[in-house]
Protein backbone atom coordinates (compact mmCIF):
# COMPACT_ATOMS: atom_id res chain seq x y z
CA MET A 1 4.08 27.27 -19.41
CA THR A 2 6.00 29.84 -17.58
CA PRO A 3 4.77 30.88 -14.30
CA ARG A 4 1.96 32.45 -14.08
CA GLY A 5 3.49 36.53 -13.76
CA MET A 6 6.67 36.07 -14.98
CA ARG A 7 8.14 36.61 -19.02
CA TYR A 8 9.02 33.74 -20.80
CA GLU A 9 12.80 35.38 -21.20
CA ASP A 10 13.19 35.71 -17.51
CA ALA A 11 12.00 31.73 -17.26
CA TYR A 12 14.17 30.79 -19.72
CA ALA A 13 17.00 32.65 -17.40
CA LYS A 14 16.08 30.81 -14.48
CA ALA A 15 15.50 27.49 -14.94
CA HIS A 16 18.48 26.96 -17.65
CA PRO A 17 19.73 24.20 -17.91
CA PHE A 18 16.73 22.69 -17.13
CA ASP A 19 18.55 19.92 -14.52
CA LYS A 20 16.28 20.40 -11.14
CA LEU A 21 13.55 22.65 -10.12
CA ILE A 22 13.98 25.79 -8.86
CA ASP A 23 12.75 26.64 -5.38
CA GLY A 24 9.82 29.10 -5.85
CA MET A 25 10.13 29.14 -9.79
CA LEU A 26 6.77 26.11 -9.58
CA GLN A 27 3.69 27.58 -8.80
CA GLY A 28 1.50 24.98 -6.16
CA SER A 29 -1.42 26.63 -7.85
CA MET A 30 0.21 25.11 -11.72
CA VAL A 31 0.01 21.63 -10.45
CA ARG A 32 -3.23 21.51 -8.87
CA ASP A 33 -4.53 23.29 -11.76
CA THR A 34 -3.31 20.71 -13.89
CA VAL A 35 -4.67 17.97 -11.94
CA GLU A 36 -8.20 19.44 -11.79
CA ILE A 37 -8.46 19.88 -15.54
CA ALA A 38 -7.03 16.07 -15.44
CA ARG A 39 -9.65 14.91 -12.99
CA GLU A 40 -12.35 16.85 -14.70
CA ALA A 41 -11.39 15.69 -18.82
CA ILE A 42 -11.42 11.81 -17.10
CA ASP A 43 -15.17 12.23 -15.83
CA GLN A 44 -16.15 13.28 -18.80
CA ARG A 45 -14.60 10.07 -20.67
CA ILE A 46 -11.75 12.59 -22.39
CA ARG A 47 -8.06 11.41 -22.52
CA PRO A 48 -6.54 14.65 -21.40
CA ASN A 49 -3.03 15.50 -22.70
CA ILE A 50 -0.25 17.11 -20.02
CA ILE A 51 2.23 19.49 -22.20
CA ILE A 52 4.77 20.26 -19.22
CA ASN A 53 7.53 22.45 -20.44
CA ASN A 54 11.20 22.99 -18.84
CA ARG A 55 10.58 27.12 -17.89
CA ALA A 56 7.33 25.70 -15.63
CA GLY A 57 9.76 25.21 -13.11
CA GLY A 58 13.20 24.18 -13.90
CA ASN A 59 12.89 20.14 -15.19
CA ALA A 60 9.42 18.99 -17.00
CA PRO A 61 10.05 15.09 -15.61
CA LEU A 62 10.62 16.51 -11.78
CA ILE A 63 7.07 18.49 -12.63
CA ALA A 64 5.68 15.52 -14.67
CA GLN A 65 6.27 13.44 -11.13
CA LYS A 66 4.41 16.33 -8.62
CA VAL A 67 1.94 16.37 -10.77
CA ALA A 68 1.75 12.15 -10.94
CA ARG A 69 2.06 12.33 -7.44
CA SER A 70 -0.88 14.68 -7.02
CA PHE A 71 -3.58 13.17 -9.29
CA MET A 72 -3.01 9.78 -7.55
CA GLN A 73 -3.72 11.60 -4.00
CA CYS A 74 -6.29 13.33 -5.26
CA PRO A 75 -9.55 12.37 -3.00
CA THR A 76 -11.68 11.34 -5.90
CA PRO A 77 -11.81 7.85 -7.29
CA ILE A 78 -10.79 8.36 -11.28
CA SER A 79 -11.29 5.25 -13.51
CA PHE A 80 -10.80 5.77 -17.04
CA HIS A 81 -12.09 3.28 -19.51
CA ALA A 82 -11.21 3.83 -22.67
CA ASP A 83 -13.88 3.88 -25.84
CA SER A 84 -12.41 1.95 -28.58
CA SER A 85 -13.70 4.32 -30.51
CA ASN A 86 -11.78 6.70 -29.91
CA THR A 87 -8.75 5.14 -30.74
């Protein structure tokens, strides 16, 4: 939820008031790791749930957009067929 190596209090202070992305705060590895984990889950027919926090980079909706763009640009075709028994 916070950048690796950053204390909660420091991340909160740096990101507040959570209305924009903060230069240098959002670690690209966090986005890549999230996409990789989501891809792996889908490959295993598991529906991933991703929780994004403002403290990861300043603004959760903008971080979610970055994750979604990265996910959609991944080279491996992904298809998820929901199994009605899992709902």
